[in-house]
Amino acid sequence: MKKAGFSNSDADPCLFYRRQNGNSLYVVIYVDDGLIVGSNKKEIAVFMDVLQHEFEITTGSLDNFLGIKIKQYEDGAIMISQGKYTEEILQRFRMAECNTISTPIGREDNNQNEEVSSFVPYREAIGCLMYLSTVNKAARAMEKPTTEDWSRVKRIFRYLKGTLNFGIVYNKKEELKIYADADFAGDNRTRRSTTGILAKYSGGAVSWTSQWPHPQPRQLVKEQKS
């Protein structure tokens, strides 16, 4: 990549970029899969010749990348979705025939504090869900999940069953919007607040997070005061 004039992005080690003669070229490489995007088709073709000279590669239409389905519209908009992956994990955790629900999380607490059996695949489910989106609240109970925690995870699966065709759409309008909000002491157990941040570019989300701040250690607070 360096020989071809590319620089490695500081934001992501899998992303390489090159800007020459007013043209931009971006390459994403993950293990043995790659994605090339550029402002000039001729430059893309030249770079593909360089790759084919160095490696044995196969090329194809941009329909899927790392399990993400990519749909391109005539007006230039792009939609990404993970319906196939969602169906696979629903099958894996025996939720393919579950009833759907309109929201992934509820406000109610059932106070079911009994720990789940070691045979319940709680950690595996959280790991699979993390590839889809942020499951912050469900991930907090990784050490000792309760029956209530497992019910929350199954609710997420029920929500996913009803949103298999959902995705993120990016249009041609280059506009950046950032939103931030927090609930007030939303966790009934700890009375801590959860902060949410969403960044959208060209109409679609590019970054998001849900943070549950941990309290500052008492020892550290004492040292700062002294």
Protein backbone atom coordinates (compact mmCIF):
# COMPACT_ATOMS: atom_id res chain seq x y z
CA MET A 1 0.00 0.00 0.00
CA LYS A 2 2.87 2.36 0.78
CA LYS A 3 4.49 1.53 -2.55
CA ALA A 4 1.25 2.59 -4.25
CA GLY A 5 1.31 5.94 -2.42
CA PHE A 6 -1.26 5.18 0.28
CA SER A 7 -1.20 6.38 3.88
CA ASN A 8 -2.59 4.50 6.84
CA SER A 9 -5.48 6.20 8.62
CA ASP A 10 -5.00 7.17 12.25
CA ALA A 11 -8.70 6.48 12.87
CA ASP A 12 -8.67 2.86 11.68
CA PRO A 13 -5.67 0.63 10.88
CA CYS A 14 -7.71 -1.18 8.21
CA LEU A 15 -8.28 2.04 6.23
CA PHE A 16 -5.80 3.39 3.66
CA TYR A 17 -6.20 6.57 1.64
CA ARG A 18 -4.49 8.41 -1.20
CA ARG A 19 -5.07 11.89 -2.61
CA GLN A 20 -3.43 12.74 -5.93
CA ASN A 21 -4.22 15.30 -8.65
CA GLY A 22 -7.47 16.26 -6.97
CA ASN A 23 -8.68 12.65 -6.79
CA SER A 24 -9.29 10.59 -3.67
CA LEU A 25 -8.99 6.83 -3.28
CA TYR A 26 -9.90 4.84 -0.16
CA VAL A 27 -9.18 1.17 0.49
CA VAL A 28 -10.45 -0.90 3.41
CA ILE A 29 -8.78 -4.26 4.02
CA TYR A 30 -9.93 -6.78 6.63
CA VAL A 31 -8.04 -10.10 6.57
CA ASP A 32 -8.60 -11.20 2.94
CA ASP A 33 -11.57 -8.99 2.08
CA GLY A 34 -11.22 -5.51 0.62
CA LEU A 35 -13.34 -2.58 -0.45
CA ILE A 36 -12.24 0.22 -2.82
CA VAL A 37 -13.96 3.59 -3.16
CA GLY A 38 -12.72 6.49 -5.26
CA SER A 39 -13.69 9.72 -6.97
CA ASN A 40 -12.19 8.66 -10.31
CA LYS A 41 -13.00 5.34 -12.02
CA LYS A 42 -9.78 5.39 -14.03
CA GLU A 43 -7.67 5.62 -10.87
CA ILE A 44 -9.57 2.71 -9.36
CA ALA A 45 -8.86 0.63 -12.48
CA VAL A 46 -5.15 1.50 -12.38
CA PHE A 47 -4.92 0.54 -8.72
CA MET A 48 -6.71 -2.74 -9.40
CA ASP A 49 -4.03 -3.55 -11.99
CA VAL A 50 -1.37 -2.91 -9.34
CA LEU A 51 -3.11 -5.27 -6.92
CA GLN A 52 -3.50 -7.99 -9.52
CA HIS A 53 0.21 -7.72 -10.31
CA GLU A 54 1.12 -8.26 -6.65
CA PHE A 55 -1.56 -10.75 -5.52
CA GLU A 56 -4.06 -13.29 -6.76
CA ILE A 57 -7.36 -11.51 -6.28
CA THR A 58 -10.96 -11.90 -7.34
CA THR A 59 -13.31 -8.98 -7.93
CA GLY A 60 -17.07 -8.67 -7.88
CA SER A 61 -19.99 -6.31 -7.53
CA LEU A 62 -20.41 -4.47 -4.26
CA ASP A 63 -23.35 -6.37 -2.76
CA ASN A 64 -21.92 -7.67 0.52
CA PHE A 65 -18.94 -6.84 2.69
CA LEU A 66 -18.12 -8.60 5.99
CA GLY A 67 -21.69 -9.82 6.32
CA ILE A 68 -23.16 -6.39 5.61
CA LYS A 69 -25.53 -6.13 2.65
CA ILE A 70 -25.00 -3.03 0.50
CA LYS A 71 -27.76 -1.74 -1.78
CA GLN A 72 -27.17 1.12 -4.21
CA TYR A 73 -30.06 3.26 -5.47
CA GLU A 74 -30.34 5.11 -8.77
CA ASP A 75 -30.26 8.52 -7.05
CA GLY A 76 -26.85 7.72 -5.55
CA ALA A 77 -28.09 6.74 -2.08
CA ILE A 78 -26.66 3.67 -0.37
CA MET A 79 -28.30 1.38 2.19
CA ILE A 80 -26.43 -1.02 4.46
CA SER A 81 -28.17 -3.75 6.44
CA GLN A 82 -27.48 -7.01 8.27
CA GLY A 83 -30.67 -8.97 7.72
CA LYS A 84 -28.90 -12.21 6.81
CA TYR A 85 -26.64 -12.09 9.87
CA THR A 86 -29.66 -11.31 12.06
CA GLU A 87 -31.52 -14.34 10.71
CA GLU A 88 -28.49 -16.53 11.46
CA ILE A 89 -28.25 -15.50 15.11
CA LEU A 90 -32.02 -15.82 15.57
CA GLN A 91 -31.68 -19.42 14.36
CA ARG A 92 -28.64 -20.02 16.57
CA PHE A 93 -30.44 -18.94 19.75
CA ARG A 94 -33.77 -20.56 18.81
CA MET A 95 -35.61 -17.26 18.41
CA ALA A 96 -36.42 -17.55 14.71
CA GLU A 97 -40.11 -18.22 15.41
CA CYS A 98 -40.50 -15.73 18.26
CA ASN A 99 -43.17 -13.03 18.40
CA THR A 100 -41.98 -9.57 17.38
CA ILE A 101 -41.94 -6.43 19.50
CA SER A 102 -41.62 -2.76 18.51
CA THR A 103 -38.87 -1.66 20.94
CA PRO A 104 -35.62 -3.42 21.95
CA ILE A 105 -35.79 -2.40 25.61
CA GLY A 106 -38.45 -1.53 28.16
CA ARG A 107 -38.53 0.55 31.30
CA GLU A 108 -40.02 -2.14 33.49
CA ASP A 109 -37.98 -4.07 36.06
CA ASN A 110 -39.37 -7.44 37.13
CA ASN A 111 -36.88 -7.86 39.98
CA GLN A 112 -36.10 -11.40 38.88
CA ASN A 113 -32.72 -11.59 40.59
CA GLU A 114 -32.21 -15.34 40.33
CA GLU A 115 -29.03 -16.15 38.42
CA VAL A 116 -29.50 -17.96 35.14
CA SER A 117 -28.23 -21.49 34.64
CA SER A 118 -24.71 -21.96 33.33
CA PHE A 119 -26.28 -23.62 30.30
CA VAL A 120 -27.92 -20.34 29.22
CA PRO A 121 -25.70 -18.89 26.42
CA TYR A 122 -25.77 -15.35 27.78
CA ARG A 123 -22.21 -14.33 26.88
CA GLU A 124 -22.47 -15.89 23.43
CA ALA A 125 -25.68 -13.99 22.75
CA ILE A 126 -24.15 -10.67 23.84
CA GLY A 127 -21.11 -11.28 21.64
CA CYS A 128 -23.30 -11.92 18.59
CA LEU A 129 -25.48 -8.89 19.30
CA MET A 130 -22.44 -6.63 19.69
CA TYR A 131 -21.66 -7.18 15.99
CA LEU A 132 -25.04 -5.65 15.16
CA SER A 133 -25.18 -2.68 17.51
CA THR A 134 -24.58 -1.37 21.01
CA VAL A 135 -26.25 -3.52 23.69
CA ASN A 136 -24.86 -1.56 26.58
CA LYS A 137 -27.39 -2.42 29.26
CA ALA A 138 -27.46 -6.13 28.49
CA ALA A 139 -23.65 -6.26 28.43
CA ARG A 140 -23.36 -4.97 32.00
CA ALA A 141 -24.47 -8.32 33.41
CA MET A 142 -21.80 -10.49 31.78
CA GLU A 143 -20.44 -11.85 35.08
CA LYS A 144 -23.65 -12.90 36.86
CA PRO A 145 -26.67 -12.53 34.59
CA THR A 146 -30.09 -13.00 36.14
CA THR A 147 -33.32 -14.29 34.65
CA GLU A 148 -34.34 -10.65 34.20
CA ASP A 149 -31.16 -9.97 32.22
CA TRP A 150 -31.84 -12.98 29.99
CA SER A 151 -35.38 -11.71 29.41
CA ARG A 152 -33.89 -8.41 28.21
CA VAL A 153 -31.68 -10.25 25.72
CA LYS A 154 -34.63 -12.23 24.38
CA ARG A 155 -36.56 -8.98 24.00
CA ILE A 156 -33.74 -7.66 21.77
CA PHE A 157 -34.04 -10.81 19.64
CA ARG A 158 -37.81 -10.28 19.37
CA TYR A 159 -37.21 -6.70 18.23
CA LEU A 160 -34.68 -7.88 15.64
CA LYS A 161 -37.15 -10.43 14.28
CA GLY A 162 -39.51 -7.58 13.40
CA THR A 163 -36.83 -5.32 11.88
CA LEU A 164 -34.99 -7.71 9.55
CA ASN A 165 -35.42 -5.33 6.62
CA PHE A 166 -34.22 -2.23 8.49
CA GLY A 167 -30.93 -0.59 7.57
CA ILE A 168 -28.98 2.67 7.43
CA VAL A 169 -29.42 4.88 4.35
CA TYR A 170 -26.81 7.41 3.22
CA ASN A 171 -27.85 10.02 0.66
CA LYS A 172 -25.75 12.34 -1.54
CA LYS A 173 -26.24 15.35 0.74
CA GLU A 174 -22.96 15.80 2.63
CA GLU A 175 -24.15 17.02 6.00
CA LEU A 176 -22.86 16.22 9.49
CA LYS A 177 -25.23 16.16 12.47
CA ILE A 178 -24.42 15.13 16.04
CA TYR A 179 -26.93 14.45 18.81
CA ALA A 180 -26.35 13.82 22.51
CA ASP A 181 -28.77 13.16 25.35
CA ALA A 182 -29.00 11.39 28.69
CA ASP A 183 -31.72 10.00 30.89
CA PHE A 184 -31.94 11.02 34.54
CA ALA A 185 -30.90 8.27 36.96
CA GLY A 186 -32.38 5.73 34.58
CA ASP A 187 -30.87 2.68 36.25
CA ASN A 188 -33.15 1.67 39.11
CA ARG A 189 -30.39 -0.29 40.84
CA THR A 190 -27.59 2.27 40.87
CA ARG A 191 -29.44 5.50 40.02
CA ARG A 192 -26.83 6.27 37.38
CA SER A 193 -27.66 8.02 34.14
CA THR A 194 -26.97 6.66 30.66
CA THR A 195 -25.60 9.00 28.00
CA GLY A 196 -26.23 8.46 24.30
CA ILE A 197 -24.31 10.04 21.39
CA LEU A 198 -25.15 9.74 17.69
CA ALA A 199 -23.23 11.16 14.72
CA LYS A 200 -24.92 11.18 11.29
CA TYR A 201 -23.33 11.97 7.94
CA SER A 202 -25.25 12.16 4.68
CA GLY A 203 -28.41 11.21 6.53
CA GLY A 204 -27.09 7.96 8.06
CA ALA A 205 -25.40 7.07 11.33
CA VAL A 206 -21.60 6.74 11.18
CA SER A 207 -20.87 6.58 14.91
CA TRP A 208 -22.92 5.98 18.04
CA THR A 209 -22.37 5.05 21.65
CA SER A 210 -24.31 4.44 24.84
CA GLN A 211 -22.25 5.11 27.97
CA TRP A 212 -22.93 4.12 31.53
CA PRO A 213 -20.33 6.06 33.59
CA HIS A 214 -18.70 4.32 36.52
CA PRO A 215 -18.34 6.26 39.77
CA GLN A 216 -14.96 7.79 40.48
CA PRO A 217 -12.88 5.72 42.95
CA ARG A 218 -13.01 7.22 46.42
CA GLN A 219 -9.26 6.98 46.90
CA LEU A 220 -8.66 8.97 43.71
CA VAL A 221 -11.10 11.67 44.86
CA LYS A 222 -9.26 12.05 48.18
CA GLU A 223 -5.91 12.39 46.44
CA GLN A 224 -7.25 15.10 44.13
CA LYS A 225 -8.69 17.07 47.03
CA SER A 226 -5.43 16.96 48.96
